Amino acid sequence: MSNFSLIYDYKKKEKNNGNRSVSIRDKGENALLEVEKKGNQVEIVTYWRGDKTTKFTLPLELFERMYNDIIQSN
């Protein structure tokens, strides 16, 4: 079994309006990453110790390209 679950909380949900979101909490740092698909855009928000620190919105196509580039094996 992976130790990820000891350090991180991973949650996914679908909102009533159809938007999907994922949140990952780093328990040790009290940091939170939220990623939400809103139509054709992806919104990424980070929190540290309860304060919103960054918000970044990008087209879904660009997010998918970024994801695929990261997971590809060399």
Protein backbone atom coordinates (compact mmCIF):
# COMPACT_ATOMS: atom_id res chain seq x y z
CA MET A 1 0.00 0.00 0.00
CA SER A 2 1.22 3.50 -0.82
CA ASN A 3 2.15 6.04 1.83
CA PHE A 4 0.41 8.77 -0.20
CA SER A 5 -2.78 8.36 1.77
CA LEU A 6 -0.94 9.15 5.01
CA ILE A 7 0.32 12.50 3.74
CA TYR A 8 -2.37 13.57 1.25
CA ASP A 9 -6.17 13.65 1.11
CA TYR A 10 -7.56 13.24 -2.41
CA LYS A 11 -11.20 14.11 -3.09
CA LYS A 12 -13.19 14.35 -6.29
CA LYS A 13 -16.73 15.53 -6.79
CA GLU A 14 -19.23 16.55 -9.40
CA LYS A 15 -21.19 19.67 -8.61
CA ASN A 16 -24.90 20.11 -9.35
CA ASN A 17 -24.07 22.34 -12.32
CA GLY A 18 -22.03 19.51 -13.92
CA ASN A 19 -18.59 20.93 -13.13
CA ARG A 20 -16.08 18.38 -11.85
CA SER A 21 -13.44 19.18 -9.27
CA VAL A 22 -10.54 17.48 -7.55
CA SER A 23 -8.81 18.62 -4.39
CA ILE A 24 -5.55 17.41 -2.90
CA ARG A 25 -4.60 18.41 0.63
CA ASP A 26 -1.00 18.15 1.86
CA LYS A 27 -1.61 17.48 5.55
CA GLY A 28 1.95 18.27 6.64
CA GLU A 29 2.08 21.69 4.98
CA ASN A 30 -1.63 22.48 5.46
CA ALA A 31 -1.72 23.25 1.73
CA LEU A 32 -4.55 22.62 -0.72
CA LEU A 33 -4.65 22.30 -4.50
CA GLU A 34 -8.06 22.55 -6.19
CA VAL A 35 -8.59 21.82 -9.88
CA GLU A 36 -12.02 22.38 -11.38
CA LYS A 37 -13.26 21.87 -14.93
CA LYS A 38 -15.65 24.67 -15.85
CA GLY A 39 -16.95 24.12 -19.35
CA ASN A 40 -13.97 24.42 -21.70
CA GLN A 41 -11.63 25.80 -19.03
CA VAL A 42 -9.71 24.42 -16.08
CA GLU A 43 -9.30 26.52 -12.95
CA ILE A 44 -6.38 25.75 -10.63
CA VAL A 45 -6.35 27.32 -7.17
CA THR A 46 -3.80 26.84 -4.40
CA TYR A 47 -4.20 27.57 -0.72
CA TRP A 48 -1.55 27.59 1.98
CA ARG A 49 -2.55 27.64 5.62
CA GLY A 50 -6.09 28.62 4.70
CA ASP A 51 -5.18 31.58 2.46
CA LYS A 52 -5.77 31.58 -1.30
CA THR A 53 -2.35 32.10 -2.83
CA THR A 54 -2.81 31.61 -6.59
CA LYS A 55 -5.55 31.17 -9.16
CA PHE A 56 -4.80 30.13 -12.71
CA THR A 57 -7.34 29.53 -15.49
CA LEU A 58 -6.43 27.90 -18.78
CA PRO A 59 -8.22 26.27 -21.73
CA LEU A 60 -9.06 22.58 -21.26
CA GLU A 61 -7.14 21.68 -24.43
CA LEU A 62 -3.95 23.27 -23.04
CA PHE A 63 -4.41 21.50 -19.69
CA GLU A 64 -4.81 18.15 -21.49
CA ARG A 65 -1.69 18.83 -23.55
CA MET A 66 0.28 19.70 -20.41
CA TYR A 67 -0.95 16.53 -18.66
CA ASN A 68 -0.06 14.32 -21.62
CA ASP A 69 3.42 15.86 -21.90
CA ILE A 70 4.09 15.19 -18.23
CA ILE A 71 2.98 11.54 -18.17
CA GLN A 72 4.70 10.46 -21.39
CA SER A 73 7.68 8.18 -20.87
CA ASN A 74 11.01 9.25 -22.30
